Amino acid sequence: MKRSLPLLLILALVLGACVPQVVRPQAPQVELLQFNLISLDPFSGRGEFDLRLRLTNPNGFSLPLLDSTLTAELGGTAFRLTLPALEIPAGASREAQTRLVVPLVEGTRVLAGLLAGQSTRFRLLGELRAQLGPAVVPIGPLTLLDREVRVQFAFQLPRIRLLEIRLDGLAIRLVLEVENPNPVGFTLEGPLRLLIGGRGVAETAFNMRLSPNERRPNEVRLGLSGFPGAGGLSVELGLRAYIPGILERLVAQVLQGILR
């Protein structure tokens, strides 16, 4: 029995050398190439950002990455982000595109700062998954990215056209076409006054929800409450574009029209 022990040890070493060893790869280097606002819609309850990343493989072998769910930390608030699968050759770089969804409930403060043009800290953390042979090898957890981001956003006034003004019994019917040229939705609200000859003859509270880049008509009925003056007809809008806690912009316009 004692004589067979050395033979067993030698056999175990030989067999162990034949078993493939899983190499734990180094993490790829990650650069943020693009961070753009796609849309912010308070009526669907979320903002969406387009991210373009460059990943560089520092290993001497190809690195096939699987879909990985990471934590995207924006202004200290954590959200989920999926990095799509891609294979990076040894020593090479590949670009990946993904989308960050920020729920308005959790992201109100962050979204308000980004729309105001503030620099915001962005961190990408978590664990990547690589397919090496038959094995799925975790890389991490680690911090893949840590830098400041800003969003280029300049609010454009909604375009409002007066399509129709008609008498409708003892009321006046207005049809307005409202176009939102922004990637940000909002509620358009405030007083609407009808003047004839410079004198106010009717007033109502205007309220309209506009999704990002939406254009549609809106009908308003006003009951007459004053005597008209001599002269033309105009509609005064003292509105604001509003998202609670995120956005507030004044929208004051005067529209000219003809009563039919």
Protein backbone atom coordinates (compact mmCIF):
# COMPACT_ATOMS: atom_id res chain seq x y z
CA MET A 1 0.00 0.00 0.00
CA LYS A 2 2.84 2.38 0.93
CA ARG A 3 4.50 1.72 -2.46
CA SER A 4 1.30 2.68 -4.33
CA LEU A 5 0.97 6.10 -2.64
CA PRO A 6 3.66 7.84 -4.79
CA LEU A 7 2.05 6.41 -7.93
CA LEU A 8 -1.37 7.78 -6.86
CA LEU A 9 0.12 11.23 -6.18
CA ILE A 10 1.82 11.29 -9.59
CA LEU A 11 -1.42 10.22 -11.30
CA ALA A 12 -3.39 12.95 -9.48
CA LEU A 13 -0.88 15.61 -10.58
CA VAL A 14 -1.04 14.45 -14.22
CA LEU A 15 -4.83 14.44 -14.24
CA GLY A 16 -4.94 17.86 -12.56
CA ALA A 17 -2.70 19.28 -15.28
CA CYS A 18 -5.16 18.04 -17.92
CA VAL A 19 -8.15 19.90 -16.39
CA PRO A 20 -8.58 23.34 -18.03
CA GLN A 21 -8.07 26.19 -15.58
CA VAL A 22 -10.47 29.15 -15.64
CA VAL A 23 -8.50 32.41 -15.94
CA ARG A 24 -9.98 35.41 -14.10
CA PRO A 25 -9.67 38.25 -16.62
CA GLN A 26 -8.87 41.86 -15.93
CA ALA A 27 -11.80 44.25 -16.14
CA PRO A 28 -12.15 46.27 -19.36
CA GLN A 29 -11.45 49.99 -19.24
CA VAL A 30 -14.67 51.97 -19.77
CA GLU A 31 -15.00 55.46 -21.28
CA LEU A 32 -18.23 57.46 -21.57
CA LEU A 33 -18.44 58.88 -25.09
CA GLN A 34 -21.99 60.22 -25.04
CA PHE A 35 -24.68 61.02 -22.46
CA ASN A 36 -27.77 62.49 -24.16
CA LEU A 37 -31.32 63.18 -23.07
CA ILE A 38 -33.78 61.25 -25.27
CA SER A 39 -37.02 62.22 -23.57
CA LEU A 40 -38.54 63.20 -20.26
CA ASP A 41 -42.25 62.44 -20.07
CA PRO A 42 -44.03 63.22 -16.77
CA PHE A 43 -47.14 61.38 -18.04
CA SER A 44 -45.32 58.08 -18.51
CA GLY A 45 -43.36 58.88 -15.34
CA ARG A 46 -39.80 58.54 -16.62
CA GLY A 47 -36.82 60.13 -18.28
CA GLU A 48 -34.59 58.30 -20.77
CA PHE A 49 -30.92 58.91 -21.58
CA ASP A 50 -28.80 57.48 -24.38
CA LEU A 51 -25.32 56.29 -23.33
CA ARG A 52 -22.48 55.37 -25.67
CA LEU A 53 -19.51 53.62 -24.06
CA ARG A 54 -16.09 52.51 -25.27
CA LEU A 55 -14.72 49.34 -23.64
CA THR A 56 -11.04 48.39 -24.01
CA ASN A 57 -9.84 44.86 -23.31
CA PRO A 58 -6.45 44.85 -21.46
CA ASN A 59 -6.17 41.05 -21.59
CA GLY A 60 -4.07 38.99 -23.99
CA PHE A 61 -7.15 37.02 -25.05
CA SER A 62 -10.59 37.81 -26.45
CA LEU A 63 -13.17 38.84 -23.85
CA PRO A 64 -16.77 37.78 -24.64
CA LEU A 65 -19.01 39.77 -22.29
CA LEU A 66 -22.57 38.65 -21.58
CA ASP A 67 -25.52 40.94 -20.80
CA SER A 68 -24.78 42.48 -17.42
CA THR A 69 -27.10 44.40 -15.09
CA LEU A 70 -25.21 47.27 -13.48
CA THR A 71 -25.92 50.11 -11.09
CA ALA A 72 -25.90 53.58 -12.64
CA GLU A 73 -25.48 56.17 -9.91
CA LEU A 74 -26.60 59.62 -11.00
CA GLY A 75 -26.16 62.43 -8.52
CA GLY A 76 -25.98 59.88 -5.71
CA THR A 77 -29.24 58.14 -6.66
CA ALA A 78 -28.98 54.56 -7.93
CA PHE A 79 -30.77 53.21 -11.02
CA ARG A 80 -30.47 49.98 -13.01
CA LEU A 81 -28.75 49.79 -16.39
CA THR A 82 -28.16 46.85 -18.74
CA LEU A 83 -24.86 46.62 -20.60
CA PRO A 84 -25.48 44.56 -23.77
CA ALA A 85 -23.37 41.55 -24.70
CA LEU A 86 -20.31 42.15 -26.87
CA GLU A 87 -17.00 40.48 -27.63
CA ILE A 88 -13.81 42.53 -27.35
CA PRO A 89 -10.69 41.15 -29.09
CA ALA A 90 -7.41 41.07 -27.18
CA GLY A 91 -6.01 44.58 -26.70
CA ALA A 92 -8.82 46.14 -28.76
CA SER A 93 -11.77 48.47 -28.10
CA ARG A 94 -15.46 48.14 -28.90
CA GLU A 95 -18.35 50.58 -28.49
CA ALA A 96 -21.60 49.72 -26.74
CA GLN A 97 -24.85 51.66 -26.67
CA THR A 98 -27.40 51.40 -23.90
CA ARG A 99 -30.28 53.33 -22.35
CA LEU A 100 -30.66 54.64 -18.83
CA VAL A 101 -34.25 54.95 -17.59
CA VAL A 102 -34.81 57.30 -14.63
CA PRO A 103 -38.23 57.08 -12.91
CA LEU A 104 -39.49 60.56 -12.03
CA VAL A 105 -40.48 59.51 -8.51
CA GLU A 106 -36.89 58.58 -7.59
CA GLY A 107 -35.14 61.01 -9.93
CA THR A 108 -36.94 64.35 -9.43
CA ARG A 109 -33.95 66.12 -7.88
CA VAL A 110 -31.44 64.70 -10.37
CA LEU A 111 -33.60 65.48 -13.41
CA ALA A 112 -34.23 69.05 -12.24
CA GLY A 113 -30.48 69.61 -11.91
CA LEU A 114 -29.71 68.13 -15.33
CA LEU A 115 -32.38 70.25 -17.09
CA ALA A 116 -30.95 73.31 -15.33
CA GLY A 117 -27.54 72.56 -16.91
CA GLN A 118 -25.83 71.42 -13.71
CA SER A 119 -22.87 69.03 -13.76
CA THR A 120 -23.89 65.76 -12.13
CA ARG A 121 -21.71 62.91 -10.92
CA PHE A 122 -22.26 59.67 -12.85
CA ARG A 123 -20.90 56.34 -11.63
CA LEU A 124 -21.23 52.89 -13.18
CA LEU A 125 -20.77 50.06 -10.71
CA GLY A 126 -21.35 46.34 -10.49
CA GLU A 127 -20.21 43.01 -11.86
CA LEU A 128 -19.61 42.08 -15.48
CA ARG A 129 -20.02 38.52 -16.74
CA ALA A 130 -17.61 36.94 -19.23
CA GLN A 131 -18.05 33.64 -21.08
CA LEU A 132 -14.69 31.86 -21.03
CA GLY A 133 -15.07 28.42 -22.56
CA PRO A 134 -17.88 26.58 -20.77
CA ALA A 135 -17.61 28.81 -17.68
CA VAL A 136 -19.29 32.13 -16.88
CA VAL A 137 -16.71 34.16 -15.00
CA PRO A 138 -17.66 37.22 -12.90
CA ILE A 139 -15.52 40.35 -13.18
CA GLY A 140 -16.00 42.53 -10.15
CA PRO A 141 -17.82 43.96 -8.36
CA LEU A 142 -16.01 47.18 -9.23
CA THR A 143 -16.43 50.81 -10.27
CA LEU A 144 -16.29 50.90 -14.07
CA LEU A 145 -16.81 54.64 -14.52
CA ASP A 146 -16.79 57.78 -12.37
CA ARG A 147 -17.13 61.20 -13.99
CA GLU A 148 -19.25 64.36 -14.30
CA VAL A 149 -22.02 64.58 -16.93
CA ARG A 150 -24.15 67.43 -18.29
CA VAL A 151 -27.18 67.58 -20.56
CA GLN A 152 -27.50 70.10 -23.38
CA PHE A 153 -31.08 71.31 -23.03
CA ALA A 154 -32.49 74.71 -24.01
CA PHE A 155 -36.23 75.05 -23.49
CA GLN A 156 -38.13 76.15 -26.60
CA LEU A 157 -41.46 77.90 -26.25
CA PRO A 158 -44.42 75.85 -27.46
CA ARG A 159 -45.81 77.00 -30.81
CA ILE A 160 -49.46 78.04 -30.44
CA ARG A 161 -51.69 78.84 -33.43
CA LEU A 162 -55.25 80.12 -33.35
CA LEU A 163 -57.10 77.94 -35.86
CA GLU A 164 -60.67 79.06 -35.31
CA ILE A 165 -62.87 81.52 -33.35
CA ARG A 166 -66.63 81.08 -33.62
CA LEU A 167 -69.75 82.24 -31.80
CA ASP A 168 -71.49 79.25 -30.26
CA GLY A 169 -74.73 80.51 -28.75
CA LEU A 170 -73.82 82.78 -25.85
CA ALA A 171 -70.27 81.43 -25.78
CA ILE A 172 -67.19 81.69 -27.97
CA ARG A 173 -65.43 78.59 -29.22
CA LEU A 174 -61.66 78.71 -29.75
CA VAL A 175 -59.58 76.01 -31.43
CA LEU A 176 -55.85 76.24 -30.72
CA GLU A 177 -53.11 74.08 -32.20
CA VAL A 178 -50.26 73.58 -29.75
CA GLU A 179 -46.89 72.08 -30.65
CA ASN A 180 -44.22 71.11 -28.14
CA PRO A 181 -40.80 71.17 -29.87
CA ASN A 182 -38.97 69.87 -26.77
CA PRO A 183 -37.91 66.33 -25.84
CA VAL A 184 -39.50 67.16 -22.47
CA GLY A 185 -43.23 66.90 -21.82
CA PHE A 186 -45.11 69.24 -19.48
CA THR A 187 -48.48 70.63 -18.47
CA LEU A 188 -49.32 73.96 -20.07
CA GLU A 189 -51.55 75.88 -17.69
CA GLY A 190 -52.69 79.39 -16.80
CA PRO A 191 -55.22 82.09 -17.69
CA LEU A 192 -56.55 82.62 -21.21
CA ARG A 193 -58.26 85.96 -21.94
CA LEU A 194 -60.25 87.01 -24.96
CA LEU A 195 -60.15 90.73 -25.87
CA ILE A 196 -62.13 92.62 -28.48
CA GLY A 197 -61.04 96.17 -29.16
CA GLY A 198 -58.65 95.94 -26.25
CA ARG A 199 -61.38 95.13 -23.74
CA GLY A 200 -61.62 91.77 -21.98
CA VAL A 201 -64.84 89.95 -22.82
CA ALA A 202 -64.09 86.42 -21.57
CA GLU A 203 -61.55 84.52 -19.48
CA THR A 204 -60.93 80.89 -18.56
CA ALA A 205 -58.27 78.63 -17.03
CA PHE A 206 -56.33 76.82 -19.78
CA ASN A 207 -54.88 73.39 -19.00
CA MET A 208 -53.28 71.03 -21.51
CA ARG A 209 -50.90 68.07 -21.16
CA LEU A 210 -48.20 67.87 -23.83
CA SER A 211 -45.95 64.85 -24.27
CA PRO A 212 -42.43 65.27 -25.74
CA ASN A 213 -42.52 66.57 -29.35
CA GLU A 214 -46.31 66.36 -29.45
CA ARG A 215 -48.59 68.54 -31.61
CA ARG A 216 -52.37 68.52 -31.38
CA PRO A 217 -55.43 70.80 -31.32
CA ASN A 218 -57.24 71.91 -28.18
CA GLU A 219 -60.76 73.33 -28.01
CA VAL A 220 -61.72 76.00 -25.47
CA ARG A 221 -65.20 77.43 -24.75
CA LEU A 222 -65.54 80.81 -23.08
CA GLY A 223 -68.69 82.40 -21.69
CA LEU A 224 -68.97 86.12 -22.48
CA SER A 225 -68.61 88.31 -19.40
CA GLY A 226 -67.88 91.82 -20.71
CA PHE A 227 -68.71 94.35 -23.40
CA PRO A 228 -66.46 94.49 -26.44
CA GLY A 229 -64.68 97.58 -27.61
CA ALA A 230 -64.16 98.74 -31.15
CA GLY A 231 -61.30 97.02 -32.91
CA GLY A 232 -59.67 93.67 -33.52
CA LEU A 233 -59.85 90.43 -31.60
CA SER A 234 -56.91 88.96 -29.64
CA VAL A 235 -56.24 86.08 -27.26
CA GLU A 236 -53.85 86.66 -24.36
CA LEU A 237 -52.12 83.61 -22.89
CA GLY A 238 -50.40 83.93 -19.53
CA LEU A 239 -49.29 80.32 -19.26
CA ARG A 240 -46.49 78.29 -17.75
CA ALA A 241 -44.94 74.98 -18.82
CA TYR A 242 -44.77 72.94 -15.64
CA ILE A 243 -43.45 69.65 -14.24
CA PRO A 244 -43.70 69.56 -10.43
CA GLY A 245 -40.25 69.88 -8.87
CA ILE A 246 -38.44 69.65 -12.22
CA LEU A 247 -39.39 72.40 -14.68
CA GLU A 248 -41.23 75.72 -14.74
CA ARG A 249 -41.10 78.17 -17.67
CA LEU A 250 -43.31 81.15 -18.51
CA VAL A 251 -45.21 81.03 -21.80
CA ALA A 252 -46.81 84.41 -22.50
CA GLN A 253 -48.24 84.96 -25.98
CA VAL A 254 -50.79 87.17 -27.75
CA LEU A 255 -52.64 85.70 -30.75
CA GLN A 256 -54.62 87.68 -33.30
CA GLY A 257 -57.80 86.32 -34.90
CA ILE A 258 -61.07 87.03 -36.68
CA LEU A 259 -64.46 86.09 -35.23
CA ARG A 260 -66.50 83.99 -37.69
